[in-house]
């Protein structure tokens, strides 16, 4: 069996990184006549940080970029969506360990996204942290009642974000 080693690939774009990982998984699976799912299981055991993928759903592109860069620098894999519909699609098609969800977005707001995520069997167990500039207790209550595990106020403190993420990502 040949050894495949990928060291020090400085790939900043998490979409490209995920695509490369999937291509490698599929190639190894094909070469050894095993399923790609089996390969992913082995990789998650060998590379413990790989399964810690975070999905950020927020329409503020600059904020998403800043959060993504910060979390990736802390070893997390990050994917993002700029609205609720795209967020639902990515949540169903990716394997996020945690979802960061803004409440106020055009079109489908965060509460509706939360409701739909908690109704779907694939995403129901995924911890969801809501964030917004709204400081009303009714929003915090609605997020909690809807199934969110935590709530962060904007402007976001990176230290608070990191501690909250660590608390909910196993």
N, C-alpha and C. Protein backbone atom coordinates (compact mmCIF):
# COMPACT_ATOMS: atom_id res chain seq x y z
N UNK A 1 0.84 -1.18 0.00
CA UNK A 1 0.00 0.00 0.00
C UNK A 1 0.89 1.25 0.00
N UNK A 2 0.67 2.15 -0.94
CA UNK A 2 1.47 3.38 -0.98
C UNK A 2 1.05 4.33 0.13
N UNK A 3 2.01 5.11 0.60
CA UNK A 3 1.72 6.14 1.59
C UNK A 3 1.38 7.43 0.87
N UNK A 4 0.34 8.10 1.32
CA UNK A 4 -0.03 9.40 0.76
C UNK A 4 0.13 10.42 1.86
N UNK A 5 1.02 11.40 1.63
CA UNK A 5 1.29 12.42 2.64
C UNK A 5 1.02 13.79 2.04
N UNK A 6 0.25 14.57 2.76
CA UNK A 6 0.00 15.95 2.35
C UNK A 6 0.42 16.81 3.53
N UNK A 7 1.53 17.53 3.34
CA UNK A 7 2.06 18.33 4.43
C UNK A 7 2.10 19.80 4.05
N UNK A 8 1.73 20.62 5.03
CA UNK A 8 1.91 22.06 4.90
C UNK A 8 1.25 22.71 3.71
N UNK A 9 0.10 22.21 3.30
CA UNK A 9 -0.58 22.86 2.19
C UNK A 9 -1.19 24.17 2.67
N UNK A 10 -0.68 25.31 2.22
CA UNK A 10 -1.19 26.59 2.69
C UNK A 10 -2.44 27.02 1.91
N UNK A 11 -3.50 26.27 2.04
CA UNK A 11 -4.73 26.57 1.32
C UNK A 11 -5.63 27.37 2.25
N UNK A 12 -5.82 28.65 1.96
CA UNK A 12 -6.64 29.52 2.81
C UNK A 12 -8.12 29.36 2.50
N UNK A 13 -8.46 29.10 1.26
CA UNK A 13 -9.85 28.98 0.84
C UNK A 13 -10.41 27.64 1.32
N UNK A 14 -11.32 27.68 2.29
CA UNK A 14 -11.82 26.43 2.87
C UNK A 14 -12.64 25.62 1.87
N UNK A 15 -13.27 26.28 0.90
CA UNK A 15 -14.01 25.54 -0.13
C UNK A 15 -13.04 24.71 -0.96
N UNK A 16 -11.92 25.31 -1.36
CA UNK A 16 -10.91 24.58 -2.12
C UNK A 16 -10.30 23.48 -1.28
N UNK A 17 -10.06 23.78 0.00
CA UNK A 17 -9.48 22.79 0.91
C UNK A 17 -10.43 21.60 1.05
N UNK A 18 -11.71 21.85 1.25
CA UNK A 18 -12.68 20.77 1.38
C UNK A 18 -12.79 19.97 0.08
N UNK A 19 -12.73 20.66 -1.06
CA UNK A 19 -12.79 19.96 -2.35
C UNK A 19 -11.57 19.05 -2.52
N UNK A 20 -10.39 19.55 -2.13
CA UNK A 20 -9.17 18.75 -2.22
C UNK A 20 -9.26 17.53 -1.31
N UNK A 21 -9.73 17.74 -0.10
CA UNK A 21 -9.88 16.62 0.85
C UNK A 21 -10.83 15.58 0.28
N UNK A 22 -11.95 16.01 -0.26
CA UNK A 22 -12.92 15.06 -0.83
C UNK A 22 -12.34 14.31 -2.02
N UNK A 23 -11.58 15.03 -2.87
CA UNK A 23 -10.94 14.37 -4.01
C UNK A 23 -9.96 13.30 -3.53
N UNK A 24 -9.17 13.63 -2.52
CA UNK A 24 -8.22 12.66 -1.97
C UNK A 24 -8.96 11.46 -1.36
N UNK A 25 -10.02 11.74 -0.62
CA UNK A 25 -10.80 10.66 -0.02
C UNK A 25 -11.36 9.72 -1.10
N UNK A 26 -11.91 10.33 -2.14
CA UNK A 26 -12.49 9.53 -3.22
C UNK A 26 -11.43 8.72 -3.96
N UNK A 27 -10.25 9.34 -4.19
CA UNK A 27 -9.17 8.63 -4.89
C UNK A 27 -8.67 7.44 -4.07
N UNK A 28 -8.50 7.64 -2.77
CA UNK A 28 -8.04 6.56 -1.91
C UNK A 28 -9.11 5.47 -1.84
N UNK A 29 -10.36 5.88 -1.72
CA UNK A 29 -11.46 4.90 -1.67
C UNK A 29 -11.49 4.05 -2.93
N UNK A 30 -11.32 4.69 -4.08
CA UNK A 30 -11.34 3.96 -5.35
C UNK A 30 -10.13 3.02 -5.45
N UNK A 31 -8.96 3.52 -5.06
CA UNK A 31 -7.74 2.71 -5.16
C UNK A 31 -7.79 1.47 -4.28
N UNK A 32 -8.47 1.55 -3.14
CA UNK A 32 -8.50 0.42 -2.21
C UNK A 32 -9.85 -0.27 -2.13
N UNK A 33 -10.72 0.07 -3.06
CA UNK A 33 -12.05 -0.56 -3.15
C UNK A 33 -12.81 -0.52 -1.83
N UNK A 34 -12.80 0.65 -1.21
CA UNK A 34 -13.61 0.87 -0.01
C UNK A 34 -14.47 2.11 -0.26
N UNK A 35 -15.45 2.31 0.58
CA UNK A 35 -16.32 3.47 0.37
C UNK A 35 -15.63 4.75 0.85
N UNK A 36 -16.00 5.86 0.22
CA UNK A 36 -15.46 7.16 0.63
C UNK A 36 -15.87 7.45 2.07
N UNK A 37 -17.04 6.98 2.47
CA UNK A 37 -17.49 7.18 3.85
C UNK A 37 -16.54 6.50 4.84
N UNK A 38 -16.07 5.29 4.51
CA UNK A 38 -15.11 4.60 5.37
C UNK A 38 -13.81 5.38 5.47
N UNK A 39 -13.37 5.94 4.35
CA UNK A 39 -12.15 6.74 4.33
C UNK A 39 -12.33 7.97 5.20
N UNK A 40 -13.48 8.64 5.10
CA UNK A 40 -13.74 9.83 5.92
C UNK A 40 -13.70 9.49 7.40
N UNK A 41 -14.22 8.33 7.75
CA UNK A 41 -14.21 7.90 9.15
C UNK A 41 -12.77 7.73 9.64
N UNK A 42 -11.93 7.10 8.83
CA UNK A 42 -10.53 6.91 9.20
C UNK A 42 -9.83 8.26 9.32
N UNK A 43 -10.07 9.16 8.38
CA UNK A 43 -9.43 10.47 8.41
C UNK A 43 -9.83 11.23 9.67
N UNK A 44 -11.11 11.16 10.05
CA UNK A 44 -11.55 11.85 11.26
C UNK A 44 -10.86 11.32 12.50
N UNK A 45 -10.52 10.02 12.49
CA UNK A 45 -9.82 9.44 13.63
C UNK A 45 -8.35 9.86 13.63
N UNK A 46 -7.75 9.98 12.45
CA UNK A 46 -6.33 10.32 12.34
C UNK A 46 -6.12 11.83 12.48
N UNK A 47 -7.01 12.62 11.92
CA UNK A 47 -6.91 14.08 11.97
C UNK A 47 -8.06 14.62 12.82
N UNK A 48 -7.88 14.73 14.13
CA UNK A 48 -8.97 15.08 15.01
C UNK A 48 -9.62 16.44 14.74
N UNK A 49 -8.91 17.40 14.20
CA UNK A 49 -9.51 18.70 13.93
C UNK A 49 -10.37 18.75 12.68
N UNK A 50 -10.21 17.74 11.81
CA UNK A 50 -10.91 17.79 10.54
C UNK A 50 -12.42 17.77 10.68
N UNK A 51 -12.93 17.10 11.68
CA UNK A 51 -14.37 16.99 11.81
C UNK A 51 -15.00 18.18 12.53
N UNK A 52 -14.20 19.18 12.87
CA UNK A 52 -14.72 20.36 13.56
C UNK A 52 -15.00 21.47 12.55
N UNK A 53 -16.02 21.26 11.76
CA UNK A 53 -16.39 22.22 10.73
C UNK A 53 -17.51 23.11 11.26
N UNK A 54 -17.37 24.39 11.03
CA UNK A 54 -18.35 25.37 11.48
C UNK A 54 -18.98 26.03 10.27
N UNK A 55 -20.30 26.14 10.29
CA UNK A 55 -21.05 26.84 9.25
C UNK A 55 -21.48 28.19 9.81
N UNK A 56 -21.10 29.26 9.12
CA UNK A 56 -21.52 30.62 9.50
C UNK A 56 -22.58 31.07 8.50
N UNK A 57 -23.75 31.46 9.02
CA UNK A 57 -24.83 31.97 8.18
C UNK A 57 -25.10 33.42 8.59
N UNK A 58 -24.69 34.35 7.73
CA UNK A 58 -24.84 35.78 8.02
C UNK A 58 -24.72 36.54 6.71
N UNK A 59 -25.50 37.61 6.57
CA UNK A 59 -25.47 38.40 5.34
C UNK A 59 -24.40 39.48 5.35
N UNK A 60 -23.71 39.68 6.47
CA UNK A 60 -22.63 40.67 6.54
C UNK A 60 -21.32 40.02 6.08
N UNK A 61 -20.98 40.24 4.82
CA UNK A 61 -19.84 39.58 4.19
C UNK A 61 -18.52 39.87 4.92
N UNK A 62 -18.30 41.11 5.32
CA UNK A 62 -17.06 41.46 6.02
C UNK A 62 -16.95 40.74 7.36
N UNK A 63 -18.06 40.66 8.08
CA UNK A 63 -18.06 39.97 9.37
C UNK A 63 -17.78 38.48 9.17
N UNK A 64 -18.44 37.88 8.19
CA UNK A 64 -18.23 36.46 7.91
C UNK A 64 -16.77 36.20 7.57
N UNK A 65 -16.18 37.05 6.75
CA UNK A 65 -14.78 36.90 6.37
C UNK A 65 -13.87 36.98 7.60
N UNK A 66 -14.15 37.93 8.47
CA UNK A 66 -13.34 38.10 9.69
C UNK A 66 -13.50 36.89 10.62
N UNK A 67 -14.73 36.42 10.82
CA UNK A 67 -14.97 35.26 11.68
C UNK A 67 -14.32 34.01 11.09
N UNK A 68 -14.45 33.86 9.79
CA UNK A 68 -13.88 32.70 9.11
C UNK A 68 -12.36 32.67 9.29
N UNK A 69 -11.72 33.79 9.04
CA UNK A 69 -10.26 33.86 9.18
C UNK A 69 -9.84 33.57 10.63
N UNK A 70 -10.55 34.15 11.58
CA UNK A 70 -10.23 33.95 13.00
C UNK A 70 -10.38 32.47 13.39
N UNK A 71 -11.51 31.86 13.05
CA UNK A 71 -11.76 30.47 13.44
C UNK A 71 -10.82 29.51 12.72
N UNK A 72 -10.51 29.77 11.45
CA UNK A 72 -9.57 28.91 10.72
C UNK A 72 -8.18 29.00 11.34
N UNK A 73 -7.81 30.19 11.82
CA UNK A 73 -6.50 30.34 12.46
C UNK A 73 -6.44 29.58 13.79
N UNK A 74 -7.60 29.20 14.31
CA UNK A 74 -7.67 28.42 15.55
C UNK A 74 -7.89 26.93 15.27
N UNK A 75 -7.77 26.53 13.98
CA UNK A 75 -7.82 25.11 13.63
C UNK A 75 -9.16 24.58 13.18
N UNK A 76 -10.16 25.44 13.07
CA UNK A 76 -11.47 24.98 12.63
C UNK A 76 -11.59 25.11 11.12
N UNK A 77 -12.35 24.22 10.53
CA UNK A 77 -12.71 24.33 9.12
C UNK A 77 -14.01 25.13 9.08
N UNK A 78 -14.08 26.13 8.20
CA UNK A 78 -15.25 27.02 8.19
C UNK A 78 -15.83 27.11 6.78
N UNK A 79 -17.15 26.98 6.72
CA UNK A 79 -17.89 27.24 5.49
C UNK A 79 -18.89 28.34 5.82
N UNK A 80 -19.38 29.02 4.79
CA UNK A 80 -20.28 30.13 5.07
C UNK A 80 -21.40 30.22 4.05
N UNK A 81 -22.43 30.93 4.46
CA UNK A 81 -23.58 31.20 3.59
C UNK A 81 -24.02 32.63 3.86
N UNK A 82 -24.48 33.34 2.82
CA UNK A 82 -24.83 34.75 2.98
C UNK A 82 -26.32 35.00 3.19
N UNK A 83 -27.11 33.94 3.20
CA UNK A 83 -28.52 34.11 3.53
C UNK A 83 -29.08 32.80 4.07
N UNK A 84 -30.31 32.86 4.54
CA UNK A 84 -30.92 31.70 5.17
C UNK A 84 -31.10 30.50 4.25
N UNK A 85 -31.51 30.75 3.03
CA UNK A 85 -31.73 29.65 2.09
C UNK A 85 -30.43 28.93 1.76
N UNK A 86 -29.38 29.68 1.47
CA UNK A 86 -28.07 29.08 1.20
C UNK A 86 -27.57 28.35 2.45
N UNK A 87 -27.82 28.93 3.61
CA UNK A 87 -27.42 28.30 4.86
C UNK A 87 -28.09 26.96 5.07
N UNK A 88 -29.39 26.88 4.79
CA UNK A 88 -30.10 25.61 4.91
C UNK A 88 -29.51 24.56 3.97
N UNK A 89 -29.24 24.98 2.74
CA UNK A 89 -28.67 24.07 1.75
C UNK A 89 -27.31 23.54 2.21
N UNK A 90 -26.45 24.43 2.68
CA UNK A 90 -25.12 23.99 3.13
C UNK A 90 -25.21 23.13 4.38
N UNK A 91 -26.12 23.46 5.26
CA UNK A 91 -26.28 22.65 6.49
C UNK A 91 -26.69 21.23 6.14
N UNK A 92 -27.50 21.06 5.12
CA UNK A 92 -27.95 19.73 4.72
C UNK A 92 -26.92 18.97 3.90
N UNK A 93 -26.05 19.70 3.19
CA UNK A 93 -25.08 19.05 2.31
C UNK A 93 -23.67 18.92 2.90
N UNK A 94 -23.40 19.60 3.98
CA UNK A 94 -22.09 19.55 4.63
C UNK A 94 -22.25 18.87 5.99
N UNK A 95 -21.15 18.65 6.66
CA UNK A 95 -21.18 18.03 7.98
C UNK A 95 -20.66 19.00 9.03
N UNK A 96 -21.43 20.03 9.29
CA UNK A 96 -21.02 21.03 10.27
C UNK A 96 -21.16 20.48 11.69
N UNK A 97 -20.17 20.75 12.51
CA UNK A 97 -20.22 20.38 13.92
C UNK A 97 -20.94 21.44 14.74
N UNK A 98 -21.05 22.65 14.15
CA UNK A 98 -21.64 23.79 14.83
C UNK A 98 -22.10 24.78 13.78
N UNK A 99 -23.20 25.48 14.07
CA UNK A 99 -23.69 26.52 13.16
C UNK A 99 -23.76 27.84 13.92
N UNK A 100 -23.17 28.88 13.34
CA UNK A 100 -23.29 30.25 13.85
C UNK A 100 -24.31 30.94 12.95
N UNK A 101 -25.39 31.42 13.53
CA UNK A 101 -26.53 31.91 12.76
C UNK A 101 -26.95 33.30 13.20
N UNK A 102 -26.96 34.23 12.25
CA UNK A 102 -27.44 35.59 12.52
C UNK A 102 -28.97 35.58 12.53
N UNK A 103 -29.55 36.44 13.35
CA UNK A 103 -31.02 36.51 13.40
C UNK A 103 -31.55 37.38 12.27
N UNK A 104 -31.00 38.57 12.12
CA UNK A 104 -31.54 39.52 11.15
C UNK A 104 -30.85 39.38 9.80
N UNK A 105 -31.59 38.79 8.85
CA UNK A 105 -31.09 38.64 7.48
C UNK A 105 -32.25 38.93 6.54
N UNK A 106 -31.94 39.41 5.34
CA UNK A 106 -33.02 39.62 4.37
C UNK A 106 -33.61 38.28 3.92
N UNK A 107 -34.87 38.30 3.54
CA UNK A 107 -35.53 37.06 3.12
C UNK A 107 -35.88 36.24 4.34
N UNK A 108 -35.28 35.08 4.46
CA UNK A 108 -35.55 34.18 5.59
C UNK A 108 -34.68 34.60 6.78
N UNK A 109 -35.33 34.98 7.88
CA UNK A 109 -34.55 35.40 9.05
C UNK A 109 -34.00 34.19 9.81
N UNK A 110 -33.14 34.47 10.78
CA UNK A 110 -32.47 33.41 11.52
C UNK A 110 -33.42 32.52 12.31
N UNK A 111 -34.52 33.08 12.81
CA UNK A 111 -35.47 32.26 13.56
C UNK A 111 -36.12 31.21 12.67
N UNK A 112 -36.44 31.59 11.43
CA UNK A 112 -37.03 30.61 10.50
C UNK A 112 -36.00 29.56 10.10
N UNK A 113 -34.75 29.98 9.89
CA UNK A 113 -33.68 29.03 9.57
C UNK A 113 -33.51 28.06 10.74
N UNK A 114 -33.47 28.58 11.96
CA UNK A 114 -33.35 27.76 13.16
C UNK A 114 -34.49 26.73 13.23
N UNK A 115 -35.70 27.21 13.02
CA UNK A 115 -36.87 26.31 13.08
C UNK A 115 -36.73 25.17 12.08
N UNK A 116 -36.34 25.50 10.84
CA UNK A 116 -36.21 24.47 9.81
C UNK A 116 -35.06 23.50 10.10
N UNK A 117 -33.95 24.04 10.61
CA UNK A 117 -32.81 23.17 10.94
C UNK A 117 -33.18 22.19 12.04
N UNK A 118 -33.94 22.64 13.01
CA UNK A 118 -34.31 21.78 14.13
C UNK A 118 -35.39 20.77 13.75
N UNK A 119 -36.07 20.98 12.63
CA UNK A 119 -37.06 20.02 12.16
C UNK A 119 -36.46 18.91 11.30
N UNK A 120 -35.27 19.14 10.76
CA UNK A 120 -34.66 18.15 9.86
C UNK A 120 -33.81 17.17 10.67
N UNK A 121 -33.97 15.86 10.43
CA UNK A 121 -33.22 14.86 11.20
C UNK A 121 -31.70 15.01 11.12
N UNK A 122 -31.18 15.46 9.98
CA UNK A 122 -29.72 15.58 9.84
C UNK A 122 -29.16 16.73 10.68
N UNK A 123 -29.88 17.84 10.71
CA UNK A 123 -29.36 19.03 11.38
C UNK A 123 -29.93 19.24 12.79
N UNK A 124 -30.92 18.48 13.15
CA UNK A 124 -31.55 18.66 14.46
C UNK A 124 -30.56 18.58 15.63
N UNK A 125 -29.61 17.62 15.62
CA UNK A 125 -28.68 17.56 16.75
C UNK A 125 -27.52 18.57 16.71
N UNK A 126 -27.36 19.28 15.60
CA UNK A 126 -26.24 20.22 15.46
C UNK A 126 -26.45 21.43 16.37
N UNK A 127 -25.48 21.75 17.22
CA UNK A 127 -25.63 22.94 18.06
C UNK A 127 -25.62 24.21 17.22
N UNK A 128 -26.51 25.13 17.57
CA UNK A 128 -26.63 26.39 16.84
C UNK A 128 -26.47 27.54 17.82
N UNK A 129 -25.55 28.45 17.50
CA UNK A 129 -25.34 29.65 18.28
C UNK A 129 -25.88 30.82 17.47
N UNK A 130 -26.80 31.56 18.04
CA UNK A 130 -27.40 32.71 17.35
C UNK A 130 -26.61 33.97 17.72
N UNK A 131 -26.53 34.91 16.77
CA UNK A 131 -25.97 36.20 17.09
C UNK A 131 -26.67 37.31 16.33
N UNK A 132 -26.71 38.48 16.98
CA UNK A 132 -27.38 39.63 16.39
C UNK A 132 -27.04 40.89 17.17
N UNK A 133 -27.43 42.02 16.61
CA UNK A 133 -27.26 43.30 17.30
C UNK A 133 -28.43 43.57 18.22
N UNK A 134 -29.52 42.85 18.03
CA UNK A 134 -30.70 43.04 18.89
C UNK A 134 -30.35 42.65 20.32
N UNK A 135 -30.75 43.46 21.24
CA UNK A 135 -30.46 43.20 22.64
C UNK A 135 -31.74 42.94 23.44
N UNK A 136 -32.76 42.49 22.77
CA UNK A 136 -34.03 42.27 23.44
C UNK A 136 -34.11 40.86 24.02
N UNK A 137 -34.60 40.77 25.24
CA UNK A 137 -34.69 39.47 25.91
C UNK A 137 -35.67 38.54 25.19
N UNK A 138 -36.64 39.11 24.47
CA UNK A 138 -37.57 38.26 23.73
C UNK A 138 -36.85 37.48 22.65
N UNK A 139 -35.84 38.10 22.03
CA UNK A 139 -35.06 37.40 20.99
C UNK A 139 -34.23 36.27 21.60
N UNK A 140 -33.63 36.54 22.75
CA UNK A 140 -32.84 35.51 23.43
C UNK A 140 -33.74 34.35 23.82
N UNK A 141 -34.92 34.66 24.34
CA UNK A 141 -35.88 33.64 24.73
C UNK A 141 -36.34 32.83 23.51
N UNK A 142 -36.67 33.54 22.41
CA UNK A 142 -37.12 32.85 21.19
C UNK A 142 -36.02 31.94 20.62
N UNK A 143 -34.78 32.41 20.65
CA UNK A 143 -33.66 31.59 20.17
C UNK A 143 -33.51 30.34 21.03
N UNK A 144 -33.58 30.51 22.33
CA UNK A 144 -33.46 29.38 23.26
C UNK A 144 -34.62 28.39 23.08
N UNK A 145 -35.82 28.91 23.00
CA UNK A 145 -37.00 28.06 22.82
C UNK A 145 -36.96 27.32 21.48
N UNK A 146 -36.34 27.95 20.48
CA UNK A 146 -36.24 27.35 19.15
C UNK A 146 -35.17 26.28 19.04
N UNK A 147 -34.32 26.18 20.06
CA UNK A 147 -33.30 25.13 20.05
C UNK A 147 -31.87 25.62 19.96
N UNK A 148 -31.66 26.94 19.95
CA UNK A 148 -30.27 27.45 19.95
C UNK A 148 -29.63 27.13 21.30
N UNK A 149 -28.35 26.77 21.27
CA UNK A 149 -27.65 26.41 22.50
C UNK A 149 -27.01 27.62 23.17
N UNK A 150 -26.86 28.72 22.41
CA UNK A 150 -26.23 29.91 22.98
C UNK A 150 -26.58 31.11 22.12
N UNK A 151 -26.21 32.30 22.62
CA UNK A 151 -26.57 33.55 21.98
C UNK A 151 -25.42 34.53 22.21
N UNK A 152 -24.91 35.15 21.14
CA UNK A 152 -23.81 36.12 21.25
C UNK A 152 -24.28 37.45 20.68
N UNK A 153 -23.98 38.51 21.41
CA UNK A 153 -24.35 39.87 20.96
C UNK A 153 -23.28 40.45 20.05
N UNK A 154 -23.71 41.19 19.02
CA UNK A 154 -22.80 41.96 18.18
C UNK A 154 -22.63 43.32 18.83
N UNK A 155 -21.49 43.96 18.72
CA UNK A 155 -20.29 43.48 18.06
C UNK A 155 -19.71 42.28 18.80
N UNK A 156 -19.20 41.34 18.02
CA UNK A 156 -18.74 40.07 18.57
C UNK A 156 -17.33 40.19 19.13
N UNK A 157 -17.19 39.77 20.36
CA UNK A 157 -15.87 39.67 20.99
C UNK A 157 -15.27 38.34 20.54
N UNK A 158 -14.08 38.37 19.96
CA UNK A 158 -13.46 37.15 19.47
C UNK A 158 -13.16 36.17 20.61
N UNK A 159 -12.81 36.69 21.76
CA UNK A 159 -12.56 35.81 22.91
C UNK A 159 -13.84 35.10 23.33
N UNK A 160 -14.95 35.86 23.39
CA UNK A 160 -16.24 35.26 23.75
C UNK A 160 -16.66 34.23 22.69
N UNK A 161 -16.47 34.58 21.43
CA UNK A 161 -16.82 33.65 20.35
C UNK A 161 -16.04 32.35 20.49
N UNK A 162 -14.73 32.45 20.67
CA UNK A 162 -13.89 31.25 20.77
C UNK A 162 -14.30 30.39 21.96
N UNK A 163 -14.53 31.00 23.10
CA UNK A 163 -14.94 30.24 24.29
C UNK A 163 -16.30 29.57 24.07
N UNK A 164 -17.22 30.27 23.43
CA UNK A 164 -18.54 29.71 23.17
C UNK A 164 -18.45 28.56 22.17
N UNK A 165 -17.65 28.73 21.14
CA UNK A 165 -17.47 27.66 20.15
C UNK A 165 -16.86 26.44 20.82
N UNK A 166 -15.79 26.64 21.60
CA UNK A 166 -15.15 25.50 22.29
C UNK A 166 -16.13 24.79 23.20
N UNK A 167 -17.00 25.53 23.84
CA UNK A 167 -17.96 24.93 24.77
C UNK A 167 -18.94 24.00 24.05
N UNK A 168 -19.24 24.30 22.78
CA UNK A 168 -20.28 23.53 22.08
C UNK A 168 -19.77 22.59 21.00
N UNK A 169 -18.49 22.66 20.67
CA UNK A 169 -17.93 21.74 19.68
C UNK A 169 -17.19 20.64 20.45
N UNK A 170 -17.66 19.42 20.28
CA UNK A 170 -17.03 18.31 21.03
C UNK A 170 -15.85 17.75 20.30
